[in-house]
Amino acid sequence: MVPGLHWYDVFGYMGSAIVVVLYFLNMRGMISTRGLSYPLVNLLGCFLIISSLWHDFNLPAFLIEAFWALVSVYGIAETLWQRRVSPASRQPNQG
């Protein structure tokens, strides 16, 4: 590892890269915000950034990442709910 670079720094860099690349891919139309992949990967990025605040806590950074994590959880729940109630996922009556 690079001298002076701690695990929380690495997590912060990784989380930032994940969030930025994911957003760029979305803007380019290469990934959709629909489905589970976008909110799951975004949630991972948020958690990595939040964990990077372990050593030098920053309340504004924590609040924005916590907000994005909640939005991601909402997106995951909404996607799972839609899959559950979607007519395409229902089995026809065998009666």
PDB file of N, CA and C in Angstrom:
ATOM      1  N   MET A   1       0.842  -1.178   0.000  1.00  0.00           N
ATOM      2  CA  MET A   1       0.000   0.000   0.000  1.00  0.00           C
ATOM      3  C   MET A   1       0.888   1.242   0.000  1.00  0.00           C
ATOM      4  N   VAL A   2       0.347   2.317  -0.494  1.00  0.00           N
ATOM      5  CA  VAL A   2       1.070   3.586  -0.558  1.00  0.00           C
ATOM      6  C   VAL A   2       1.254   4.130   0.861  1.00  0.00           C
ATOM      7  N   PRO A   3       2.475   4.546   1.225  1.00  0.00           N
ATOM      8  CA  PRO A   3       2.684   5.107   2.560  1.00  0.00           C
ATOM      9  C   PRO A   3       1.756   6.297   2.809  1.00  0.00           C
ATOM     10  N   GLY A   4       1.160   6.312   3.974  1.00  0.00           N
ATOM     11  CA  GLY A   4       0.255   7.399   4.337  1.00  0.00           C
ATOM     12  C   GLY A   4      -1.164   7.219   3.828  1.00  0.00           C
ATOM     13  N   LEU A   5      -1.399   6.181   3.046  1.00  0.00           N
ATOM     14  CA  LEU A   5      -2.736   5.909   2.519  1.00  0.00           C
ATOM     15  C   LEU A   5      -3.375   4.825   3.382  1.00  0.00           C
ATOM     16  N   HIS A   6      -4.460   5.165   4.028  1.00  0.00           N
ATOM     17  CA  HIS A   6      -5.129   4.251   4.948  1.00  0.00           C
ATOM     18  C   HIS A   6      -6.338   3.610   4.281  1.00  0.00           C
ATOM     19  N   TRP A   7      -6.882   2.590   4.948  1.00  0.00           N
ATOM     20  CA  TRP A   7      -8.027   1.871   4.386  1.00  0.00           C
ATOM     21  C   TRP A   7      -9.191   2.811   4.124  1.00  0.00           C
ATOM     22  N   TYR A   8      -9.416   3.782   5.005  1.00  0.00           N
ATOM     23  CA  TYR A   8     -10.547   4.687   4.824  1.00  0.00           C
ATOM     24  C   TYR A   8     -10.335   5.616   3.631  1.00  0.00           C
ATOM     25  N   ASP A   9      -9.082   5.947   3.331  1.00  0.00           N
ATOM     26  CA  ASP A   9      -8.798   6.725   2.121  1.00  0.00           C
ATOM     27  C   ASP A   9      -9.116   5.903   0.871  1.00  0.00           C
ATOM     28  N   VAL A  10      -8.667   4.656   0.867  1.00  0.00           N
ATOM     29  CA  VAL A  10      -8.912   3.769  -0.274  1.00  0.00           C
ATOM     30  C   VAL A  10     -10.413   3.586  -0.479  1.00  0.00           C
ATOM     31  N   PHE A  11     -11.155   3.353   0.606  1.00  0.00           N
ATOM     32  CA  PHE A  11     -12.608   3.200   0.502  1.00  0.00           C
ATOM     33  C   PHE A  11     -13.249   4.464  -0.059  1.00  0.00           C
ATOM     34  N   GLY A  12     -12.794   5.617   0.385  1.00  0.00           N
ATOM     35  CA  GLY A  12     -13.336   6.878  -0.113  1.00  0.00           C
ATOM     36  C   GLY A  12     -13.078   7.073  -1.596  1.00  0.00           C
ATOM     37  N   TYR A  13     -11.859   6.765  -2.032  1.00  0.00           N
ATOM     38  CA  TYR A  13     -11.540   6.872  -3.462  1.00  0.00           C
ATOM     39  C   TYR A  13     -12.370   5.895  -4.283  1.00  0.00           C
ATOM     40  N   MET A  14     -12.488   4.662  -3.790  1.00  0.00           N
ATOM     41  CA  MET A  14     -13.273   3.659  -4.516  1.00  0.00           C
ATOM     42  C   MET A  14     -14.745   4.066  -4.593  1.00  0.00           C
ATOM     43  N   GLY A  15     -15.298   4.520  -3.469  1.00  0.00           N
ATOM     44  CA  GLY A  15     -16.698   4.942  -3.458  1.00  0.00           C
ATOM     45  C   GLY A  15     -16.947   6.116  -4.378  1.00  0.00           C
ATOM     46  N   SER A  16     -16.049   7.082  -4.362  1.00  0.00           N
ATOM     47  CA  SER A  16     -16.185   8.242  -5.249  1.00  0.00           C
ATOM     48  C   SER A  16     -16.121   7.824  -6.707  1.00  0.00           C
ATOM     49  N   ALA A  17     -15.186   6.943  -7.027  1.00  0.00           N
ATOM     50  CA  ALA A  17     -15.054   6.467  -8.407  1.00  0.00           C
ATOM     51  C   ALA A  17     -16.307   5.720  -8.843  1.00  0.00           C
ATOM     52  N   ILE A  18     -16.839   4.884  -7.974  1.00  0.00           N
ATOM     53  CA  ILE A  18     -18.053   4.130  -8.305  1.00  0.00           C
ATOM     54  C   ILE A  18     -19.204   5.072  -8.608  1.00  0.00           C
ATOM     55  N   VAL A  19     -19.435   6.042  -7.735  1.00  0.00           N
ATOM     56  CA  VAL A  19     -20.566   6.962  -7.904  1.00  0.00           C
ATOM     57  C   VAL A  19     -20.406   7.795  -9.171  1.00  0.00           C
ATOM     58  N   VAL A  20     -19.211   8.312  -9.408  1.00  0.00           N
ATOM     59  CA  VAL A  20     -18.982   9.162 -10.583  1.00  0.00           C
ATOM     60  C   VAL A  20     -19.090   8.360 -11.881  1.00  0.00           C
ATOM     61  N   VAL A  21     -18.480   7.187 -11.926  1.00  0.00           N
ATOM     62  CA  VAL A  21     -18.549   6.357 -13.138  1.00  0.00           C
ATOM     63  C   VAL A  21     -19.985   5.923 -13.398  1.00  0.00           C
ATOM     64  N   LEU A  22     -20.705   5.544 -12.357  1.00  0.00           N
ATOM     65  CA  LEU A  22     -22.101   5.137 -12.510  1.00  0.00           C
ATOM     66  C   LEU A  22     -22.941   6.281 -13.072  1.00  0.00           C
ATOM     67  N   TYR A  23     -22.734   7.473 -12.546  1.00  0.00           N
ATOM     68  CA  TYR A  23     -23.473   8.640 -13.033  1.00  0.00           C
ATOM     69  C   TYR A  23     -23.124   8.929 -14.495  1.00  0.00           C
ATOM     70  N   PHE A  24     -21.842   8.848 -14.832  1.00  0.00           N
ATOM     71  CA  PHE A  24     -21.409   9.072 -16.212  1.00  0.00           C
ATOM     72  C   PHE A  24     -22.044   8.049 -17.159  1.00  0.00           C
ATOM     73  N   LEU A  25     -22.037   6.786 -16.769  1.00  0.00           N
ATOM     74  CA  LEU A  25     -22.647   5.746 -17.598  1.00  0.00           C
ATOM     75  C   LEU A  25     -24.139   5.996 -17.791  1.00  0.00           C
ATOM     76  N   ASN A  26     -24.784   6.492 -16.757  1.00  0.00           N
ATOM     77  CA  ASN A  26     -26.203   6.833 -16.867  1.00  0.00           C
ATOM     78  C   ASN A  26     -26.398   7.979 -17.847  1.00  0.00           C
ATOM     79  N   MET A  27     -25.596   9.011 -17.751  1.00  0.00           N
ATOM     80  CA  MET A  27     -25.721  10.157 -18.648  1.00  0.00           C
ATOM     81  C   MET A  27     -25.464   9.769 -20.102  1.00  0.00           C
ATOM     82  N   ARG A  28     -24.610   8.793 -20.327  1.00  0.00           N
ATOM     83  CA  ARG A  28     -24.306   8.320 -21.677  1.00  0.00           C
ATOM     84  C   ARG A  28     -25.344   7.322 -22.187  1.00  0.00           C
ATOM     85  N   GLY A  29     -26.305   6.962 -21.340  1.00  0.00           N
ATOM     86  CA  GLY A  29     -27.321   5.999 -21.736  1.00  0.00           C
ATOM     87  C   GLY A  29     -26.820   4.564 -21.751  1.00  0.00           C
ATOM     88  N   MET A  30     -25.723   4.322 -21.069  1.00  0.00           N
ATOM     89  CA  MET A  30     -25.124   2.988 -21.063  1.00  0.00           C
ATOM     90  C   MET A  30     -25.628   2.129 -19.912  1.00  0.00           C
ATOM     91  N   ILE A  31     -26.295   2.749 -18.947  1.00  0.00           N
ATOM     92  CA  ILE A  31     -26.894   2.029 -17.833  1.00  0.00           C
ATOM     93  C   ILE A  31     -28.179   2.758 -17.469  1.00  0.00           C
ATOM     94  N   SER A  32     -29.163   2.001 -17.100  1.00  0.00           N
ATOM     95  CA  SER A  32     -30.459   2.575 -16.757  1.00  0.00           C
ATOM     96  C   SER A  32     -30.599   2.685 -15.245  1.00  0.00           C
ATOM     97  N   THR A  33     -31.358   3.670 -14.820  1.00  0.00           N
ATOM     98  CA  THR A  33     -31.643   3.786 -13.397  1.00  0.00           C
ATOM     99  C   THR A  33     -32.763   2.843 -12.985  1.00  0.00           C
ATOM    100  N   ARG A  34     -33.438   2.266 -13.957  1.00  0.00           N
ATOM    101  CA  ARG A  34     -34.472   1.265 -13.687  1.00  0.00           C
ATOM    102  C   ARG A  34     -33.795  -0.060 -13.380  1.00  0.00           C
ATOM    103  N   GLY A  35     -34.405  -0.842 -12.563  1.00  0.00           N
ATOM    104  CA  GLY A  35     -33.818  -2.127 -12.209  1.00  0.00           C
ATOM    105  C   GLY A  35     -33.006  -2.020 -10.934  1.00  0.00           C
ATOM    106  N   LEU A  36     -32.324  -3.089 -10.607  1.00  0.00           N
ATOM    107  CA  LEU A  36     -31.594  -3.155  -9.340  1.00  0.00           C
ATOM    108  C   LEU A  36     -30.134  -2.731  -9.436  1.00  0.00           C
ATOM    109  N   SER A  37     -29.527  -2.844 -10.605  1.00  0.00           N
ATOM    110  CA  SER A  37     -28.080  -2.622 -10.679  1.00  0.00           C
ATOM    111  C   SER A  37     -27.683  -1.202 -10.288  1.00  0.00           C
ATOM    112  N   TYR A  38     -28.385  -0.201 -10.798  1.00  0.00           N
ATOM    113  CA  TYR A  38     -28.004   1.184 -10.509  1.00  0.00           C
ATOM    114  C   TYR A  38     -28.100   1.501  -9.011  1.00  0.00           C
ATOM    115  N   PRO A  39     -29.258   1.275  -8.364  1.00  0.00           N
ATOM    116  CA  PRO A  39     -29.309   1.623  -6.941  1.00  0.00           C
ATOM    117  C   PRO A  39     -28.409   0.756  -6.065  1.00  0.00           C
ATOM    118  N   LEU A  40     -28.210  -0.508  -6.427  1.00  0.00           N
ATOM    119  CA  LEU A  40     -27.323  -1.357  -5.625  1.00  0.00           C
ATOM    120  C   LEU A  40     -25.875  -0.884  -5.697  1.00  0.00           C
ATOM    121  N   VAL A  41     -25.410  -0.581  -6.887  1.00  0.00           N
ATOM    122  CA  VAL A  41     -24.027  -0.119  -7.036  1.00  0.00           C
ATOM    123  C   VAL A  41     -23.869   1.267  -6.416  1.00  0.00           C
ATOM    124  N   ASN A  42     -24.878   2.120  -6.569  1.00  0.00           N
ATOM    125  CA  ASN A  42     -24.831   3.444  -5.950  1.00  0.00           C
ATOM    126  C   ASN A  42     -24.780   3.324  -4.427  1.00  0.00           C
ATOM    127  N   LEU A  43     -25.552   2.389  -3.876  1.00  0.00           N
ATOM    128  CA  LEU A  43     -25.545   2.165  -2.431  1.00  0.00           C
ATOM    129  C   LEU A  43     -24.163   1.715  -1.965  1.00  0.00           C
ATOM    130  N   LEU A  44     -23.531   0.844  -2.723  1.00  0.00           N
ATOM    131  CA  LEU A  44     -22.169   0.419  -2.399  1.00  0.00           C
ATOM    132  C   LEU A  44     -21.225   1.623  -2.373  1.00  0.00           C
ATOM    133  N   GLY A  45     -21.315   2.474  -3.384  1.00  0.00           N
ATOM    134  CA  GLY A  45     -20.478   3.671  -3.421  1.00  0.00           C
ATOM    135  C   GLY A  45     -20.719   4.576  -2.223  1.00  0.00           C
ATOM    136  N   CYS A  46     -21.986   4.759  -1.870  1.00  0.00           N
ATOM    137  CA  CYS A  46     -22.326   5.591  -0.705  1.00  0.00           C
ATOM    138  C   CYS A  46     -21.727   5.021   0.574  1.00  0.00           C
ATOM    139  N   PHE A  47     -21.860   3.709   0.765  1.00  0.00           N
ATOM    140  CA  PHE A  47     -21.321   3.092   1.973  1.00  0.00           C
ATOM    141  C   PHE A  47     -19.796   3.196   2.032  1.00  0.00           C
ATOM    142  N   LEU A  48     -19.153   3.072   0.893  1.00  0.00           N
ATOM    143  CA  LEU A  48     -17.694   3.220   0.878  1.00  0.00           C
ATOM    144  C   LEU A  48     -17.289   4.648   1.242  1.00  0.00           C
ATOM    145  N   ILE A  49     -18.005   5.625   0.709  1.00  0.00           N
ATOM    146  CA  ILE A  49     -17.692   7.021   1.037  1.00  0.00           C
ATOM    147  C   ILE A  49     -17.973   7.290   2.510  1.00  0.00           C
ATOM    148  N   ILE A  50     -19.102   6.800   3.014  1.00  0.00           N
ATOM    149  CA  ILE A  50     -19.429   6.991   4.434  1.00  0.00           C
ATOM    150  C   ILE A  50     -18.356   6.345   5.314  1.00  0.00           C
ATOM    151  N   SER A  51     -17.905   5.151   4.941  1.00  0.00           N
ATOM    152  CA  SER A  51     -16.874   4.492   5.748  1.00  0.00           C
ATOM    153  C   SER A  51     -15.556   5.263   5.714  1.00  0.00           C
ATOM    154  N   SER A  52     -15.329   6.031   4.652  1.00  0.00           N
ATOM    155  CA  SER A  52     -14.100   6.829   4.581  1.00  0.00           C
ATOM    156  C   SER A  52     -14.111   7.981   5.582  1.00  0.00           C
ATOM    157  N   LEU A  53     -15.284   8.299   6.098  1.00  0.00           N
ATOM    158  CA  LEU A  53     -15.395   9.377   7.083  1.00  0.00           C
ATOM    159  C   LEU A  53     -15.066   8.896   8.497  1.00  0.00           C
ATOM    160  N   TRP A  54     -14.688   7.631   8.615  1.00  0.00           N
ATOM    161  CA  TRP A  54     -14.387   7.037   9.914  1.00  0.00           C
ATOM    162  C   TRP A  54     -13.323   7.836  10.662  1.00  0.00           C
ATOM    163  N   HIS A  55     -12.288   8.248   9.971  1.00  0.00           N
ATOM    164  CA  HIS A  55     -11.165   8.924  10.622  1.00  0.00           C
ATOM    165  C   HIS A  55     -11.402  10.424  10.755  1.00  0.00           C
ATOM    166  N   ASP A  56     -11.747  11.079   9.678  1.00  0.00           N
ATOM    167  CA  ASP A  56     -12.004  12.523   9.695  1.00  0.00           C
ATOM    168  C   ASP A  56     -13.466  12.760   9.356  1.00  0.00           C
ATOM    169  N   PHE A  57     -14.307  12.732  10.388  1.00  0.00           N
ATOM    170  CA  PHE A  57     -15.744  12.867  10.168  1.00  0.00           C
ATOM    171  C   PHE A  57     -16.077  14.258   9.642  1.00  0.00           C
ATOM    172  N   ASN A  58     -16.991  14.287   8.688  1.00  0.00           N
ATOM    173  CA  ASN A  58     -17.447  15.528   8.078  1.00  0.00           C
ATOM    174  C   ASN A  58     -18.964  15.424   7.963  1.00  0.00           C
ATOM    175  N   LEU A  59     -19.688  16.174   8.786  1.00  0.00           N
ATOM    176  CA  LEU A  59     -21.143  16.042   8.842  1.00  0.00           C
ATOM    177  C   LEU A  59     -21.822  16.322   7.507  1.00  0.00           C
ATOM    178  N   PRO A  60     -21.487  17.402   6.786  1.00  0.00           N
ATOM    179  CA  PRO A  60     -22.150  17.617   5.496  1.00  0.00           C
ATOM    180  C   PRO A  60     -21.928  16.465   4.512  1.00  0.00           C
ATOM    181  N   ALA A  61     -20.719  15.930   4.455  1.00  0.00           N
ATOM    182  CA  ALA A  61     -20.448  14.798   3.563  1.00  0.00           C
ATOM    183  C   ALA A  61     -21.244  13.576   4.002  1.00  0.00           C
ATOM    184  N   PHE A  62     -21.315  13.349   5.306  1.00  0.00           N
ATOM    185  CA  PHE A  62     -22.094  12.224   5.818  1.00  0.00           C
ATOM    186  C   PHE A  62     -23.565  12.376   5.472  1.00  0.00           C
ATOM    187  N   LEU A  63     -24.112  13.573   5.648  1.00  0.00           N
ATOM    188  CA  LEU A  63     -25.534  13.791   5.384  1.00  0.00           C
ATOM    189  C   LEU A  63     -25.883  13.584   3.917  1.00  0.00           C
ATOM    190  N   ILE A  64     -25.063  14.079   3.005  1.00  0.00           N
ATOM    191  CA  ILE A  64     -25.375  13.908   1.588  1.00  0.00           C
ATOM    192  C   ILE A  64     -25.266  12.440   1.191  1.00  0.00           C
ATOM    193  N   GLU A  65     -24.289  11.741   1.710  1.00  0.00           N
ATOM    194  CA  GLU A  65     -24.156  10.315   1.387  1.00  0.00           C
ATOM    195  C   GLU A  65     -25.268   9.499   2.031  1.00  0.00           C
ATOM    196  N   ALA A  66     -25.667   9.862   3.244  1.00  0.00           N
ATOM    197  CA  ALA A  66     -26.793   9.171   3.884  1.00  0.00           C
ATOM    198  C   ALA A  66     -28.071   9.397   3.083  1.00  0.00           C
ATOM    199  N   PHE A  67     -28.263  10.605   2.582  1.00  0.00           N
ATOM    200  CA  PHE A  67     -29.425  10.899   1.744  1.00  0.00           C
ATOM    201  C   PHE A  67     -29.409  10.038   0.488  1.00  0.00           C
ATOM    202  N   TRP A  68     -28.267   9.971  -0.198  1.00  0.00           N
ATOM    203  CA  TRP A  68     -28.170   9.166  -1.416  1.00  0.00           C
ATOM    204  C   TRP A  68     -28.344   7.686  -1.116  1.00  0.00           C
ATOM    205  N   ALA A  69     -27.872   7.251   0.038  1.00  0.00           N
ATOM    206  CA  ALA A  69     -28.075   5.852   0.426  1.00  0.00           C
ATOM    207  C   ALA A  69     -29.562   5.570   0.620  1.00  0.00           C
ATOM    208  N   LEU A  70     -30.277   6.493   1.255  1.00  0.00           N
ATOM    209  CA  LEU A  70     -31.724   6.320   1.440  1.00  0.00           C
ATOM    210  C   LEU A  70     -32.454   6.318   0.106  1.00  0.00           C
ATOM    211  N   VAL A  71     -32.052   7.183  -0.810  1.00  0.00           N
ATOM    212  CA  VAL A  71     -32.657   7.201  -2.150  1.00  0.00           C
ATOM    213  C   VAL A  71     -32.394   5.869  -2.852  1.00  0.00           C
ATOM    214  N   SER A  72     -31.201   5.338  -2.700  1.00  0.00           N
ATOM    215  CA  SER A  72     -30.877   4.047  -3.308  1.00  0.00           C
ATOM    216  C   SER A  72     -31.713   2.925  -2.705  1.00  0.00           C
ATOM    217  N   VAL A  73     -31.868   2.937  -1.389  1.00  0.00           N
ATOM    218  CA  VAL A  73     -32.706   1.927  -0.732  1.00  0.00           C
ATOM    219  C   VAL A  73     -34.142   2.042  -1.229  1.00  0.00           C
ATOM    220  N   TYR A  74     -34.628   3.266  -1.376  1.00  0.00           N
ATOM    221  CA  TYR A  74     -35.969   3.465  -1.932  1.00  0.00           C
ATOM    222  C   TYR A  74     -36.057   2.879  -3.344  1.00  0.00           C
ATOM    223  N   GLY A  75     -35.055   3.136  -4.174  1.00  0.00           N
ATOM    224  CA  GLY A  75     -35.040   2.605  -5.534  1.00  0.00           C
ATOM    225  C   GLY A  75     -35.037   1.085  -5.561  1.00  0.00           C
ATOM    226  N   ILE A  76     -34.282   0.482  -4.659  1.00  0.00           N
ATOM    227  CA  ILE A  76     -34.246  -0.979  -4.565  1.00  0.00           C
ATOM    228  C   ILE A  76     -35.614  -1.510  -4.151  1.00  0.00           C
ATOM    229  N   ALA A  77     -36.195  -0.904  -3.113  1.00  0.00           N
ATOM    230  CA  ALA A  77     -37.510  -1.342  -2.635  1.00  0.00           C
ATOM    231  C   ALA A  77     -38.573  -1.166  -3.710  1.00  0.00           C
ATOM    232  N   GLU A  78     -38.549  -0.046  -4.406  1.00  0.00           N
ATOM    233  CA  GLU A  78     -39.526   0.220  -5.466  1.00  0.00           C
ATOM    234  C   GLU A  78     -39.403  -0.808  -6.593  1.00  0.00           C
ATOM    235  N   THR A  79     -38.180  -1.116  -6.981  1.00  0.00           N
ATOM    236  CA  THR A  79     -37.964  -2.103  -8.039  1.00  0.00           C
ATOM    237  C   THR A  79     -38.468  -3.476  -7.613  1.00  0.00           C
ATOM    238  N   LEU A  80     -38.138  -3.873  -6.393  1.00  0.00           N
ATOM    239  CA  LEU A  80     -38.601  -5.173  -5.906  1.00  0.00           C
ATOM    240  C   LEU A  80     -40.120  -5.211  -5.798  1.00  0.00           C
ATOM    241  N   TRP A  81     -40.714  -4.109  -5.346  1.00  0.00           N
ATOM    242  CA  TRP A  81     -42.170  -4.043  -5.245  1.00  0.00           C
ATOM    243  C   TRP A  81     -42.811  -4.148  -6.624  1.00  0.00           C
ATOM    244  N   GLN A  82     -42.285  -3.425  -7.590  1.00  0.00           N
ATOM    245  CA  GLN A  82     -42.829  -3.469  -8.947  1.00  0.00           C
ATOM    246  C   GLN A  82     -42.713  -4.865  -9.545  1.00  0.00           C
ATOM    247  N   ARG A  83     -41.634  -5.537  -9.274  1.00  0.00           N
ATOM    248  CA  ARG A  83     -41.477  -6.905  -9.772  1.00  0.00           C
ATOM    249  C   ARG A  83     -42.495  -7.842  -9.131  1.00  0.00           C
ATOM    250  N   ARG A  84     -42.802  -7.576  -7.883  1.00  0.00           N
ATOM    251  CA  ARG A  84     -43.740  -8.430  -7.152  1.00  0.00           C
ATOM    252  C   ARG A  84     -45.155  -8.275  -7.681  1.00  0.00           C
ATOM    253  N   VAL A  85     -45.553  -7.051  -7.993  1.00  0.00           N
ATOM    254  CA  VAL A  85     -46.936  -6.799  -8.408  1.00  0.00           C
ATOM    255  C   VAL A  85     -47.099  -6.703  -9.918  1.00  0.00           C
ATOM    256  N   SER A  86     -46.036  -6.860 -10.661  1.00  0.00           N
ATOM    257  CA  SER A  86     -46.098  -6.760 -12.118  1.00  0.00           C
ATOM    258  C   SER A  86     -46.959  -7.879 -12.697  1.00  0.00           C
ATOM    259  N   PRO A  87     -47.858  -7.534 -13.630  1.00  0.00           N
ATOM    260  CA  PRO A  87     -48.694  -8.569 -14.247  1.00  0.00           C
ATOM    261  C   PRO A  87     -47.870  -9.644 -14.953  1.00  0.00           C
ATOM    262  N   ALA A  88     -46.733  -9.290 -15.494  1.00  0.00           N
ATOM    263  CA  ALA A  88     -45.902 -10.261 -16.200  1.00  0.00           C
ATOM    264  C   ALA A  88     -45.338 -11.318 -15.256  1.00  0.00           C
ATOM    265  N   SER A  89     -45.212 -10.973 -13.970  1.00  0.00           N
ATOM    266  CA  SER A  89     -44.635 -11.917 -13.021  1.00  0.00           C
ATOM    267  C   SER A  89     -45.682 -12.823 -12.393  1.00  0.00           C
ATOM    268  N   ARG A  90     -46.958 -12.541 -12.614  1.00  0.00           N
ATOM    269  CA  ARG A  90     -48.022 -13.358 -12.035  1.00  0.00           C
ATOM    270  C   ARG A  90     -48.231 -14.627 -12.848  1.00  0.00           C
ATOM    271  N   GLN A  91     -48.544 -15.684 -12.142  1.00  0.00           N
ATOM    272  CA  GLN A  91     -48.844 -16.956 -12.792  1.00  0.00           C
ATOM    273  C   GLN A  91     -50.324 -16.984 -13.165  1.00  0.00           C
ATOM    274  N   PRO A  92     -50.666 -17.480 -14.345  1.00  0.00           N
ATOM    275  CA  PRO A  92     -52.081 -17.578 -14.709  1.00  0.00           C
ATOM    276  C   PRO A  92     -52.789 -18.600 -13.829  1.00  0.00           C
ATOM    277  N   ASN A  93     -54.088 -18.367 -13.623  1.00  0.00           N
ATOM    278  CA  ASN A  93     -54.887 -19.303 -12.829  1.00  0.00           C
ATOM    279  C   ASN A  93     -54.937 -20.654 -13.511  1.00  0.00           C
ATOM    280  N   GLN A  94     -54.756 -21.672 -12.740  1.00  0.00           N
ATOM    281  CA  GLN A  94     -54.780 -23.027 -13.274  1.00  0.00           C
ATOM    282  C   GLN A  94     -56.163 -23.652 -13.114  1.00  0.00           C
ATOM    283  N   GLY A  95     -57.188 -22.851 -12.698  1.00  0.00           N
ATOM    284  CA  GLY A  95     -58.503 -23.332 -12.358  1.00  0.00           C
ATOM    285  C   GLY A  95     -59.277 -23.871 -13.428  1.00  0.00           C
TER     286      GLY A  95
END
